[in-house]
Amino acid sequence: MKTLRIALWFLLGSAEIVFAHWPQSSGTEGRNFQFLLTTGNNTFAGGATGAQIC
């Protein structure tokens, strides 16, 4: 029981509030997206026809 209290205290005490921002895209109709990659401030989208910075 003591271990459960310590685990709950740790989980609740270390929680942070995070707000995600999801911008609306212009759509993916007719496009072949196979991956999305985010590194730093850049977001890359790629498919069979190449990759682009979004």
C-alpha atoms as a PDB file:
ATOM      1  CA  MET A   1       0.000   0.000   0.000  1.00  0.00           C
ATOM      2  CA  LYS A   2       2.844   2.367   0.810  1.00  0.00           C
ATOM      3  CA  THR A   3       4.422   1.671  -2.584  1.00  0.00           C
ATOM      4  CA  LEU A   4       1.134   2.493  -4.318  1.00  0.00           C
ATOM      5  CA  ARG A   5       0.889   5.821  -2.470  1.00  0.00           C
ATOM      6  CA  ILE A   6       4.453   6.731  -3.413  1.00  0.00           C
ATOM      7  CA  ALA A   7       3.836   5.797  -7.063  1.00  0.00           C
ATOM      8  CA  LEU A   8       0.628   7.853  -7.231  1.00  0.00           C
ATOM      9  CA  TRP A   9       2.298  10.811  -5.529  1.00  0.00           C
ATOM     10  CA  PHE A  10       5.149  10.655  -8.030  1.00  0.00           C
ATOM     11  CA  LEU A  11       2.856  10.377 -11.066  1.00  0.00           C
ATOM     12  CA  LEU A  12       0.534  13.170  -9.971  1.00  0.00           C
ATOM     13  CA  GLY A  13       3.328  15.395  -8.738  1.00  0.00           C
ATOM     14  CA  SER A  14       5.306  15.166 -11.949  1.00  0.00           C
ATOM     15  CA  ALA A  15       2.380  15.767 -14.315  1.00  0.00           C
ATOM     16  CA  GLU A  16       2.488  18.872 -16.481  1.00  0.00           C
ATOM     17  CA  ILE A  17      -0.268  20.558 -18.430  1.00  0.00           C
ATOM     18  CA  VAL A  18       0.494  20.449 -22.142  1.00  0.00           C
ATOM     19  CA  PHE A  19      -1.479  22.259 -24.812  1.00  0.00           C
ATOM     20  CA  ALA A  20      -1.153  20.975 -28.369  1.00  0.00           C
ATOM     21  CA  HIS A  21      -1.694  23.220 -31.373  1.00  0.00           C
ATOM     22  CA  TRP A  22      -2.942  21.449 -34.479  1.00  0.00           C
ATOM     23  CA  PRO A  23      -3.177  23.739 -37.527  1.00  0.00           C
ATOM     24  CA  GLN A  24      -5.732  22.883 -40.175  1.00  0.00           C
ATOM     25  CA  SER A  25      -4.249  21.537 -43.385  1.00  0.00           C
ATOM     26  CA  SER A  26      -5.426  22.230 -46.897  1.00  0.00           C
ATOM     27  CA  GLY A  27      -6.209  18.547 -47.279  1.00  0.00           C
ATOM     28  CA  THR A  28      -4.514  15.386 -48.457  1.00  0.00           C
ATOM     29  CA  GLU A  29      -6.886  14.386 -51.226  1.00  0.00           C
ATOM     30  CA  GLY A  30      -4.987  12.976 -54.184  1.00  0.00           C
ATOM     31  CA  ARG A  31      -1.668  13.041 -52.323  1.00  0.00           C
ATOM     32  CA  ASN A  32       0.431  10.087 -51.252  1.00  0.00           C
ATOM     33  CA  PHE A  33       1.637  10.693 -47.676  1.00  0.00           C
ATOM     34  CA  GLN A  34       3.671   7.886 -46.192  1.00  0.00           C
ATOM     35  CA  PHE A  35       5.395   9.627 -43.266  1.00  0.00           C
ATOM     36  CA  LEU A  36       5.454  12.742 -41.107  1.00  0.00           C
ATOM     37  CA  LEU A  37       8.593  13.787 -39.209  1.00  0.00           C
ATOM     38  CA  THR A  38       9.047  16.691 -36.810  1.00  0.00           C
ATOM     39  CA  THR A  39      12.480  17.860 -35.750  1.00  0.00           C
ATOM     40  CA  GLY A  40      12.889  21.186 -33.984  1.00  0.00           C
ATOM     41  CA  ASN A  41      10.589  23.715 -35.671  1.00  0.00           C
ATOM     42  CA  ASN A  42      10.433  21.824 -38.974  1.00  0.00           C
ATOM     43  CA  THR A  43       7.789  19.324 -40.041  1.00  0.00           C
ATOM     44  CA  PHE A  44       8.528  17.100 -43.032  1.00  0.00           C
ATOM     45  CA  ALA A  45       5.932  15.177 -45.020  1.00  0.00           C
ATOM     46  CA  GLY A  46       6.990  12.557 -47.506  1.00  0.00           C
ATOM     47  CA  GLY A  47       5.664  10.014 -49.911  1.00  0.00           C
ATOM     48  CA  ALA A  48       6.370   8.307 -53.183  1.00  0.00           C
ATOM     49  CA  THR A  49       6.947  11.634 -54.947  1.00  0.00           C
ATOM     50  CA  GLY A  50       9.466  13.056 -52.438  1.00  0.00           C
ATOM     51  CA  ALA A  51       9.517  15.058 -49.213  1.00  0.00           C
ATOM     52  CA  GLN A  52       8.571  18.623 -48.411  1.00  0.00           C
ATOM     53  CA  ILE A  53       8.771  20.958 -45.429  1.00  0.00           C
ATOM     54  CA  CYS A  54       5.311  21.826 -44.133  1.00  0.00           C
END
